[in-house]
Amino acid sequence: MKLSCLFACFLVSAPIHVFAQSSQPAADQTAEEVRRLKTLVQQLESRVAQLEAQQSPADSRQANSSRVEDAQTPAPPPATPNQASSADDRGILDFFQNTTIDVGIDGYYDYNFNHPLGRVNLLRAYDVTSNSFSLNQANLILEQAPSPTTGRRAGARLDLQFGQATETLQGSAANELRPQVYRSIWQAYGTYVFPMGSGLTVDFGKWGSALGPEGNYSKDQINYSRSYLFNFLPFYHLGFRATYNVSPRFALSYWLVNGANQAEDFNGFKSQNFEIVLKRGNSFTWTSNYYFGQESRDVVPLLNPGFPPLPTQPGLPAANLVPEPDGREHIFDNYGFWNATKKLTLGGEFDYVINRQFQRSSPAHLTGGAAYARYQLTPKSAAAARTEYVSDRGGLFSGTSQALKEATLTYEYKLGDGFLTRMEWRRDFSNRPFFLSDALAGRKKQQTTATLGIMWWLGRKTGSW
């Protein structure tokens, strides 16, 4: 376009130059000017041809299109309904990008060589039935974790659980005044990170207890079956939890909760816990807890199936126990794990518990310890072992005074991403006849089981649940 304008300007200015020279009387001078004009025109046409040859195809198309462009640019078309809703769609996509939805299925088959009456495995937390295909738990987890670095300081998590494990955790009246209310809610808590130093994280709601190294989800454990100490220590708490990372190697936590396994308080006394976590890189972690509170009920629940005798929800307490238990429970819990090599992990646990129903009553004591080892044989297989000893003086755990031991060997094989199997052999011992047998009045000092555990999980959450 610029070359064409230049050529046009030259043609316009050429006659002016000619007429300006026409005042000269000599005809030969006029002819000379015409000859020079033709020469200049030829040179200019040659130059324009050279410049147009040097232009790129894109520039040529732009130059051609500019010649036919209308002087007035048409207005853009109105936004379509899809374009108008794109902002809402973007918000939905951002929500799901920051939210994890996970599903887990955990089942097992267990065989008890004692052939116990009722096919019951005593002192087991989850693998409670023998000679039966069992669904331990089915889980649905929704979580949006806080992310202070991106400006999102609030978060929340909900774990729904169904299956046999709900009876162990929260389905029994021994754990709750109204177990049916919370039976399927394993965890439900909200989080906020306050801008204090490295960030003060505060949770409110119901969460799995950090007392003891073992947890609820089988895929994240060293063995399939759980230890005595897992079955005895609190499973969960409801209340407030505050955690502060003093440094990458040192964290402090404080809990103020209703009690041990109390979504609704058994009494008017709130329990507390002080937790210290020490780390040495990614190879060693040590956790120490001191938990204390009043863990005996001081009320009688009304577990009536019909209408309550008072204008309130069924099952809520309406009477106090007399005399009111006022004793305390103290739990000293310590455990640590060490990644000795890339394949070998070693761990240990020690617990001491003292409990009084009344302040002046004789205490019941529990002292226990466990040792763990896990070796990664191949990228898909691993072998693990656990041994444990518990001195249950006063029957605080098992209901009778005894010394308990157990040894567990586990082989696991990962068939695919999100599909894990574990084969386990376990033997329980007692210093007195305690375990069920095939005789109505017969008890044995030992219990041997073989278990196949199968676990599936899928979702975006990585690492331990």
Protein backbone atom coordinates (compact mmCIF):
# COMPACT_ATOMS: atom_id res chain seq x y z
CA MET A 1 0.00 0.00 0.00
CA LYS A 2 2.85 2.38 0.78
CA LEU A 3 4.47 1.77 -2.65
CA SER A 4 1.22 2.45 -4.46
CA CYS A 5 0.77 5.74 -2.57
CA LEU A 6 4.31 6.75 -3.42
CA PHE A 7 3.72 6.08 -7.10
CA ALA A 8 0.43 8.02 -7.06
CA CYS A 9 2.05 10.99 -5.32
CA PHE A 10 4.77 11.05 -7.97
CA LEU A 11 2.23 11.11 -10.82
CA VAL A 12 0.35 13.94 -9.17
CA SER A 13 3.48 15.99 -8.64
CA ALA A 14 4.88 15.34 -12.13
CA PRO A 15 2.53 17.65 -14.07
CA ILE A 16 3.19 20.45 -11.65
CA HIS A 17 6.89 20.15 -12.43
CA VAL A 18 6.19 20.12 -16.17
CA PHE A 19 3.96 23.18 -16.11
CA ALA A 20 6.46 24.95 -13.96
CA GLN A 21 9.00 24.44 -16.75
CA SER A 22 6.57 25.28 -19.56
CA SER A 23 7.35 28.92 -19.20
CA GLN A 24 10.66 28.32 -20.99
CA PRO A 25 10.43 29.39 -24.65
CA ALA A 26 12.67 26.76 -26.14
CA ALA A 27 10.85 23.68 -27.50
CA ASP A 28 13.94 21.57 -27.22
CA GLN A 29 13.95 22.19 -23.49
CA THR A 30 10.35 20.93 -23.26
CA ALA A 31 11.20 17.78 -25.15
CA GLU A 32 14.19 17.24 -22.88
CA GLU A 33 11.95 17.50 -19.82
CA VAL A 34 9.49 14.99 -21.24
CA ARG A 35 12.32 12.56 -21.97
CA ARG A 36 13.66 12.90 -18.43
CA LEU A 37 10.14 12.42 -17.02
CA LYS A 38 9.70 9.16 -18.93
CA THR A 39 13.08 7.96 -17.69
CA LEU A 40 12.14 8.71 -14.07
CA VAL A 41 8.79 6.95 -14.47
CA GLN A 42 10.50 3.85 -15.83
CA GLN A 43 13.01 3.87 -12.95
CA LEU A 44 10.23 4.28 -10.41
CA GLU A 45 8.19 1.40 -11.90
CA SER A 46 11.27 -0.82 -11.81
CA ARG A 47 11.92 0.11 -8.18
CA VAL A 48 8.31 -0.56 -7.17
CA ALA A 49 8.46 -3.98 -8.82
CA GLN A 50 11.62 -4.84 -6.89
CA LEU A 51 10.11 -3.78 -3.54
CA GLU A 52 6.88 -5.70 -4.15
CA ALA A 53 8.93 -8.81 -4.96
CA GLN A 54 10.69 -8.50 -1.58
CA GLN A 55 7.42 -8.38 0.40
CA SER A 56 6.32 -11.62 2.31
CA PRO A 57 3.09 -13.37 1.27
CA ALA A 58 1.49 -12.28 4.54
CA ASP A 59 2.40 -8.64 3.89
CA SER A 60 1.07 -8.92 0.37
CA ARG A 61 -2.23 -10.34 1.60
CA GLN A 62 -2.43 -7.58 4.18
CA ALA A 63 -1.71 -4.94 1.53
CA ASN A 64 -4.32 -6.38 -0.80
CA SER A 65 -6.90 -6.69 1.95
CA SER A 66 -6.26 -3.12 3.06
CA ARG A 67 -7.25 -1.90 -0.37
CA VAL A 68 -10.67 -3.43 -0.07
CA GLU A 69 -11.31 -2.70 3.63
CA ASP A 70 -14.29 -0.60 4.38
CA ALA A 71 -13.61 2.70 6.07
CA GLN A 72 -15.84 1.77 8.99
CA THR A 73 -15.01 -1.40 10.98
CA PRO A 74 -18.14 -3.47 11.75
CA ALA A 75 -19.10 -3.98 15.43
CA PRO A 76 -18.26 -7.39 16.99
CA PRO A 77 -21.12 -9.91 17.19
CA PRO A 78 -23.02 -10.18 20.49
CA ALA A 79 -21.79 -12.77 23.04
CA THR A 80 -23.37 -16.20 22.78
CA PRO A 81 -24.91 -17.92 25.86
CA ASN A 82 -21.88 -20.26 26.03
CA GLN A 83 -19.51 -17.28 26.10
CA ALA A 84 -21.59 -15.56 28.76
CA SER A 85 -21.38 -18.63 31.04
CA SER A 86 -17.65 -19.17 30.57
CA ALA A 87 -16.85 -17.23 33.75
CA ASP A 88 -19.12 -19.53 35.79
CA ASP A 89 -17.58 -22.59 34.16
CA ARG A 90 -14.12 -21.30 35.00
CA GLY A 91 -15.10 -20.94 38.66
CA ILE A 92 -16.43 -24.51 38.75
CA LEU A 93 -13.24 -25.83 37.15
CA ASP A 94 -11.09 -23.91 39.64
CA PHE A 95 -13.11 -25.40 42.52
CA PHE A 96 -12.59 -28.98 41.37
CA GLN A 97 -8.94 -28.29 40.58
CA ASN A 98 -8.35 -27.42 44.24
CA THR A 99 -10.62 -30.17 45.60
CA THR A 100 -9.79 -33.88 45.89
CA ILE A 101 -12.46 -36.57 45.75
CA ASP A 102 -11.28 -40.04 46.73
CA VAL A 103 -12.96 -43.43 47.01
CA GLY A 104 -11.65 -46.48 48.87
CA ILE A 105 -12.79 -50.09 49.30
CA ASP A 106 -11.23 -52.40 51.90
CA GLY A 107 -12.23 -56.04 52.25
CA TYR A 108 -10.75 -59.24 53.68
CA TYR A 109 -11.07 -62.94 54.30
CA ASP A 110 -9.80 -64.24 57.64
CA TYR A 111 -9.41 -67.80 58.94
CA ASN A 112 -9.06 -68.47 62.68
CA PHE A 113 -7.42 -71.83 63.47
CA ASN A 114 -9.16 -71.89 66.89
CA HIS A 115 -12.52 -72.27 65.10
CA PRO A 116 -14.03 -69.87 67.65
CA LEU A 117 -17.72 -69.91 68.51
CA GLY A 118 -19.53 -67.26 66.51
CA ARG A 119 -16.44 -66.91 64.27
CA VAL A 120 -15.24 -64.01 66.45
CA ASN A 121 -11.59 -62.89 66.54
CA LEU A 122 -10.99 -61.40 69.99
CA LEU A 123 -8.91 -58.24 70.47
CA ARG A 124 -9.07 -57.31 66.80
CA ALA A 125 -10.01 -53.84 65.65
CA TYR A 126 -11.04 -54.46 62.04
CA ASP A 127 -10.49 -58.12 61.06
CA VAL A 128 -13.15 -59.15 63.54
CA THR A 129 -14.80 -62.13 61.81
CA SER A 130 -13.41 -65.52 60.79
CA ASN A 131 -14.25 -67.71 57.79
CA SER A 132 -16.26 -64.95 56.16
CA PHE A 133 -15.81 -62.61 53.22
CA SER A 134 -16.06 -59.21 54.88
CA LEU A 135 -16.28 -55.58 53.80
CA ASN A 136 -14.14 -53.78 56.33
CA GLN A 137 -14.95 -50.32 55.05
CA ALA A 138 -15.99 -48.27 52.04
CA ASN A 139 -14.87 -44.65 52.09
CA LEU A 140 -15.64 -41.37 50.35
CA ILE A 141 -13.31 -38.45 51.05
CA LEU A 142 -13.81 -34.83 49.98
CA GLU A 143 -11.12 -32.29 50.83
CA GLN A 144 -10.09 -28.79 49.90
CA ALA A 145 -6.91 -28.13 51.83
CA PRO A 146 -5.91 -24.55 52.65
CA SER A 147 -3.17 -22.96 50.53
CA PRO A 148 -1.86 -19.76 52.16
CA THR A 149 0.69 -19.25 49.37
CA THR A 150 -2.18 -18.73 46.89
CA GLY A 151 -4.32 -16.72 49.32
CA ARG A 152 -6.68 -19.52 50.38
CA ARG A 153 -6.41 -19.83 54.16
CA ALA A 154 -9.60 -21.81 54.77
CA GLY A 155 -10.19 -25.46 54.00
CA ALA A 156 -12.37 -28.41 54.95
CA ARG A 157 -12.42 -32.20 54.89
CA LEU A 158 -15.17 -34.82 55.07
CA ASP A 159 -14.58 -38.59 55.37
CA LEU A 160 -17.64 -40.80 55.07
CA GLN A 161 -17.26 -44.45 56.06
CA PHE A 162 -19.45 -47.53 55.78
CA GLY A 163 -18.87 -51.17 56.72
CA GLN A 164 -17.61 -53.25 59.66
CA ALA A 165 -15.06 -50.68 60.79
CA THR A 166 -17.80 -48.25 61.74
CA GLU A 167 -18.77 -50.55 64.60
CA THR A 168 -15.21 -50.56 65.92
CA LEU A 169 -14.74 -46.82 65.56
CA GLN A 170 -18.04 -45.22 66.45
CA GLY A 171 -20.92 -47.62 66.04
CA SER A 172 -20.94 -48.96 69.58
CA ALA A 173 -22.75 -47.51 72.57
CA ALA A 174 -19.48 -48.04 74.46
CA ASN A 175 -18.06 -45.15 72.42
CA GLU A 176 -21.03 -42.83 71.98
CA LEU A 177 -24.19 -41.81 73.75
CA ARG A 178 -25.98 -41.87 70.38
CA PRO A 179 -23.82 -43.92 68.00
CA GLN A 180 -26.37 -43.82 65.17
CA VAL A 181 -25.92 -40.06 64.77
CA TYR A 182 -22.21 -40.20 63.86
CA ARG A 183 -21.86 -43.77 62.59
CA SER A 184 -20.89 -42.92 58.99
CA ILE A 185 -18.92 -39.74 59.70
CA TRP A 186 -15.33 -40.73 60.27
CA GLN A 187 -13.90 -37.23 59.92
CA ALA A 188 -15.53 -33.82 59.39
CA TYR A 189 -13.56 -30.68 60.16
CA GLY A 190 -12.84 -27.21 58.90
CA THR A 191 -9.40 -25.57 58.85
CA TYR A 192 -8.09 -22.02 58.94
CA VAL A 193 -4.43 -20.94 58.77
CA PHE A 194 -3.81 -17.74 60.69
CA PRO A 195 -1.00 -15.45 59.38
CA MET A 196 1.24 -15.88 62.41
CA GLY A 197 4.87 -16.70 61.73
CA SER A 198 5.00 -19.84 59.61
CA GLY A 199 1.20 -20.15 59.94
CA LEU A 200 -0.95 -21.26 62.87
CA THR A 201 -3.29 -24.03 61.66
CA VAL A 202 -6.54 -24.41 63.60
CA ASP A 203 -9.06 -27.20 63.01
CA PHE A 204 -12.54 -27.61 64.40
CA GLY A 205 -14.63 -30.73 64.08
CA LYS A 206 -14.06 -34.47 64.27
CA TRP A 207 -10.73 -35.97 63.25
CA GLY A 208 -8.78 -39.20 63.58
CA SER A 209 -6.55 -39.36 66.65
CA ALA A 210 -2.77 -39.00 66.34
CA LEU A 211 -2.17 -41.17 69.41
CA GLY A 212 -0.30 -44.20 68.10
CA PRO A 213 1.34 -44.61 64.69
CA GLU A 214 -1.39 -46.73 63.08
CA GLY A 215 -4.44 -45.24 61.39
CA ASN A 216 -7.82 -45.98 59.90
CA TYR A 217 -6.98 -46.60 56.24
CA SER A 218 -5.48 -50.06 55.63
CA LYS A 219 -3.58 -49.07 52.48
CA ASP A 220 -1.42 -46.68 54.53
CA GLN A 221 -0.39 -49.21 57.20
CA ILE A 222 2.57 -51.56 57.44
CA ASN A 223 0.37 -54.56 58.29
CA TYR A 224 -3.23 -55.32 57.45
CA SER A 225 -4.41 -56.13 60.99
CA ARG A 226 -4.04 -53.46 63.67
CA SER A 227 -2.10 -53.71 66.91
CA TYR A 228 -3.50 -54.03 70.43
CA LEU A 229 -2.42 -50.48 71.13
CA PHE A 230 -4.33 -49.13 68.12
CA ASN A 231 -7.43 -50.92 69.36
CA PHE A 232 -6.98 -49.48 72.85
CA LEU A 233 -5.88 -45.88 72.19
CA PRO A 234 -8.48 -43.27 71.14
CA PHE A 235 -9.72 -43.54 67.56
CA TYR A 236 -10.98 -39.97 67.19
CA HIS A 237 -11.77 -36.69 68.92
CA LEU A 238 -14.14 -33.76 68.44
CA GLY A 239 -13.13 -30.23 69.34
CA PHE A 240 -10.34 -27.79 68.53
CA ARG A 241 -6.82 -28.57 67.34
CA ALA A 242 -4.05 -26.01 66.81
CA THR A 243 -0.70 -26.80 65.15
CA TYR A 244 2.33 -24.57 64.71
CA ASN A 245 5.50 -25.45 62.80
CA VAL A 246 8.28 -23.84 64.79
CA SER A 247 10.72 -24.99 62.11
CA PRO A 248 10.73 -27.61 59.34
CA ARG A 249 12.01 -30.07 61.97
CA PHE A 250 9.90 -29.12 64.99
CA ALA A 251 6.10 -28.82 65.33
CA LEU A 252 3.80 -28.28 68.31
CA SER A 253 0.12 -29.12 68.62
CA TYR A 254 -2.56 -28.57 71.26
CA TRP A 255 -6.02 -30.15 71.41
CA LEU A 256 -9.10 -29.22 73.44
CA VAL A 257 -11.70 -31.94 72.90
CA ASN A 258 -14.78 -33.60 74.40
CA GLY A 259 -12.75 -36.71 75.20
CA ALA A 260 -11.57 -40.00 73.73
CA ASN A 261 -14.06 -41.34 71.16
CA GLN A 262 -16.65 -38.78 72.24
CA ALA A 263 -18.41 -36.88 69.48
CA GLU A 264 -20.87 -35.90 72.21
CA ASP A 265 -19.36 -35.36 75.63
CA PHE A 266 -19.82 -38.07 78.26
CA ASN A 267 -19.35 -35.45 80.95
CA GLY A 268 -18.72 -31.76 81.41
CA PHE A 269 -14.94 -32.16 81.55
CA LYS A 270 -12.89 -31.31 78.45
CA SER A 271 -9.79 -33.37 77.68
CA GLN A 272 -6.49 -31.97 76.40
CA ASN A 273 -3.43 -33.14 74.52
CA PHE A 274 0.04 -31.72 73.97
CA GLU A 275 1.89 -33.10 70.95
CA ILE A 276 5.50 -32.66 69.82
CA VAL A 277 6.76 -33.81 66.42
CA LEU A 278 10.49 -33.93 65.68
CA LYS A 279 11.88 -34.60 62.20
CA ARG A 280 15.28 -35.16 60.72
CA GLY A 281 14.86 -34.62 57.02
CA ASN A 282 12.73 -37.32 55.44
CA SER A 283 14.48 -40.17 57.22
CA PHE A 284 13.34 -39.89 60.84
CA THR A 285 10.16 -38.74 62.63
CA TRP A 286 9.42 -38.87 66.35
CA THR A 287 6.02 -38.05 67.91
CA SER A 288 5.30 -37.61 71.59
CA ASN A 289 1.81 -37.08 73.09
CA TYR A 290 0.57 -36.33 76.59
CA TYR A 291 -3.20 -36.74 76.74
CA PHE A 292 -5.26 -36.30 79.89
CA GLY A 293 -8.90 -35.88 80.85
CA GLN A 294 -11.94 -37.37 82.53
CA GLU A 295 -13.07 -40.31 80.40
CA SER A 296 -15.83 -41.87 82.54
CA ARG A 297 -19.51 -41.13 81.93
CA ASP A 298 -21.43 -39.07 84.43
CA VAL A 299 -24.80 -39.32 82.61
CA VAL A 300 -27.23 -42.06 81.59
CA PRO A 301 -28.31 -42.03 77.92
CA LEU A 302 -31.95 -42.69 77.06
CA LEU A 303 -31.58 -45.16 74.19
CA ASN A 304 -35.34 -45.57 73.75
CA PRO A 305 -36.56 -46.51 70.28
CA GLY A 306 -39.73 -44.42 70.44
CA PHE A 307 -40.56 -40.90 71.52
CA PRO A 308 -38.39 -39.48 74.31
CA PRO A 309 -40.06 -38.97 77.69
CA LEU A 310 -38.90 -35.34 77.59
CA PRO A 311 -39.22 -32.77 74.76
CA THR A 312 -35.75 -33.40 73.34
CA GLN A 313 -33.98 -35.62 70.83
CA PRO A 314 -34.07 -39.38 71.53
CA GLY A 315 -30.98 -40.71 73.25
CA LEU A 316 -29.84 -37.50 74.89
CA PRO A 317 -28.95 -37.84 78.60
CA ALA A 318 -31.65 -36.96 81.06
CA ALA A 319 -30.15 -38.29 84.31
CA ASN A 320 -26.81 -38.07 86.11
CA LEU A 321 -24.94 -40.96 87.67
CA VAL A 322 -24.66 -40.92 91.46
CA PRO A 323 -21.96 -40.92 92.65
CA GLU A 324 -20.44 -39.04 89.72
CA PRO A 325 -17.15 -40.52 88.45
CA ASP A 326 -14.45 -37.89 88.78
CA GLY A 327 -11.28 -39.86 88.08
CA ARG A 328 -8.74 -38.95 85.42
CA GLU A 329 -6.97 -40.77 82.64
CA HIS A 330 -3.40 -39.99 81.57
CA ILE A 331 -1.85 -41.30 78.35
CA PHE A 332 1.86 -41.01 77.56
CA ASP A 333 2.27 -41.99 73.91
CA ASN A 334 5.56 -42.08 71.99
CA TYR A 335 6.45 -43.49 68.57
CA GLY A 336 9.03 -42.98 65.88
CA PHE A 337 9.97 -44.28 62.42
CA TRP A 338 13.32 -44.34 60.67
CA ASN A 339 13.99 -44.92 56.98
CA ALA A 340 17.24 -46.79 57.50
CA THR A 341 17.71 -47.27 53.74
CA LYS A 342 15.65 -46.60 50.65
CA LYS A 343 14.05 -50.01 51.12
CA LEU A 344 14.12 -50.62 54.89
CA THR A 345 11.86 -48.83 57.40
CA LEU A 346 12.06 -49.43 61.16
CA GLY A 347 9.65 -48.19 63.82
CA GLY A 348 8.84 -48.38 67.49
CA GLU A 349 6.07 -47.40 69.91
CA PHE A 350 5.81 -47.11 73.69
CA ASP A 351 2.69 -46.26 75.72
CA TYR A 352 1.89 -45.88 79.39
CA VAL A 353 -1.70 -45.31 80.54
CA ILE A 354 -3.12 -44.83 84.02
CA ASN A 355 -6.82 -44.48 84.72
CA ARG A 356 -8.97 -43.96 87.83
CA GLN A 357 -12.76 -44.04 87.77
CA PHE A 358 -12.80 -42.01 90.98
CA GLN A 359 -10.04 -39.85 92.36
CA ARG A 360 -9.62 -42.13 95.38
CA SER A 361 -10.07 -45.47 93.61
CA SER A 362 -7.24 -47.84 92.78
CA PRO A 363 -5.71 -47.12 89.37
CA ALA A 364 -5.65 -49.41 86.37
CA HIS A 365 -2.40 -49.42 84.39
CA LEU A 366 -1.52 -50.35 80.84
CA THR A 367 2.06 -50.54 79.62
CA GLY A 368 2.79 -51.55 76.06
CA GLY A 369 5.26 -51.41 73.25
CA ALA A 370 5.52 -52.46 69.61
CA ALA A 371 8.29 -52.82 67.03
CA TYR A 372 7.81 -52.53 63.27
CA ALA A 373 9.90 -53.39 60.22
CA ARG A 374 9.15 -53.15 56.50
CA TYR A 375 11.34 -54.04 53.53
CA GLN A 376 10.58 -53.17 49.92
CA LEU A 377 11.44 -56.33 48.01
CA THR A 378 10.56 -55.05 44.54
CA PRO A 379 8.72 -51.97 43.24
CA LYS A 380 5.49 -53.96 43.59
CA SER A 381 6.09 -56.17 46.63
CA ALA A 382 7.13 -55.74 50.25
CA ALA A 383 7.44 -57.76 53.46
CA ALA A 384 6.61 -56.44 56.93
CA ALA A 385 6.63 -57.62 60.53
CA ARG A 386 5.28 -56.41 63.87
CA THR A 387 5.76 -57.68 67.39
CA GLU A 388 3.97 -56.32 70.44
CA TYR A 389 3.70 -56.66 74.20
CA VAL A 390 0.96 -55.23 76.45
CA SER A 391 0.70 -55.50 80.23
CA ASP A 392 -2.98 -54.93 81.01
CA ARG A 393 -3.12 -54.58 84.79
CA GLY A 394 -6.68 -54.03 85.94
CA GLY A 395 -8.23 -55.03 82.60
CA LEU A 396 -8.17 -51.51 81.22
CA PHE A 397 -7.94 -52.85 77.65
CA SER A 398 -9.13 -56.47 77.60
CA GLY A 399 -11.43 -56.50 80.62
CA THR A 400 -9.16 -58.77 82.67
CA SER A 401 -5.63 -58.49 84.04
CA GLN A 402 -3.24 -60.31 81.71
CA ALA A 403 -0.07 -60.02 79.67
CA LEU A 404 -0.65 -60.04 75.91
CA LYS A 405 1.76 -60.63 73.04
CA GLU A 406 1.35 -60.85 69.29
CA ALA A 407 3.55 -61.45 66.25
CA THR A 408 2.49 -60.58 62.72
CA LEU A 409 4.09 -61.30 59.34
CA THR A 410 2.74 -59.58 56.22
CA TYR A 411 3.47 -59.90 52.51
CA GLU A 412 2.01 -57.31 50.18
CA TYR A 413 1.78 -57.17 46.42
CA LYS A 414 0.61 -54.21 44.37
CA LEU A 415 -1.27 -55.49 41.35
CA GLY A 416 -1.71 -52.01 39.89
CA ASP A 417 -2.15 -48.36 40.74
CA GLY A 418 -4.78 -48.22 43.44
CA PHE A 419 -5.00 -52.02 43.86
CA LEU A 420 -3.13 -53.64 46.76
CA THR A 421 -3.29 -57.11 48.33
CA ARG A 422 -1.84 -58.27 51.66
CA MET A 423 -1.40 -61.83 52.94
CA GLU A 424 -0.89 -62.04 56.68
CA TRP A 425 -0.14 -64.58 59.36
CA ARG A 426 -0.68 -63.56 62.99
CA ARG A 427 -0.44 -65.27 66.35
CA ASP A 428 -1.80 -63.83 69.63
CA PHE A 429 -0.64 -65.01 73.07
CA SER A 430 -1.84 -64.52 76.64
CA ASN A 431 -0.50 -65.71 79.97
CA ARG A 432 -3.96 -67.07 80.80
CA PRO A 433 -6.75 -68.79 78.85
CA PHE A 434 -8.56 -65.92 77.15
CA PHE A 435 -9.16 -66.53 73.43
CA LEU A 436 -12.30 -68.24 72.14
CA SER A 437 -12.28 -71.84 70.92
CA ASP A 438 -14.82 -74.25 69.45
CA ALA A 439 -15.95 -75.28 72.96
CA LEU A 440 -18.56 -73.25 74.81
CA ALA A 441 -16.60 -73.13 78.06
CA GLY A 442 -13.17 -73.68 76.56
CA ARG A 443 -10.64 -70.87 76.28
CA LYS A 444 -7.12 -70.94 74.87
CA LYS A 445 -3.95 -69.01 75.55
CA GLN A 446 -3.31 -68.40 71.89
CA GLN A 447 -5.11 -67.43 68.69
CA THR A 448 -3.70 -67.94 65.17
CA THR A 449 -5.19 -66.38 62.07
CA ALA A 450 -4.44 -66.17 58.35
CA THR A 451 -5.83 -63.18 56.47
CA LEU A 452 -6.09 -61.95 52.89
CA GLY A 453 -6.75 -58.23 52.64
CA ILE A 454 -7.73 -56.52 49.38
CA MET A 455 -7.76 -52.75 48.96
CA TRP A 456 -8.83 -50.50 46.08
CA TRP A 457 -8.63 -46.71 46.00
CA LEU A 458 -8.92 -43.99 43.40
CA GLY A 459 -8.78 -40.20 43.38
CA ARG A 460 -6.41 -37.26 43.18
CA LYS A 461 -5.14 -37.25 46.77
CA THR A 462 -1.53 -38.47 46.91
CA GLY A 463 0.28 -40.03 49.85
CA SER A 464 -1.48 -41.15 53.02
CA TRP A 465 -5.14 -40.39 53.49
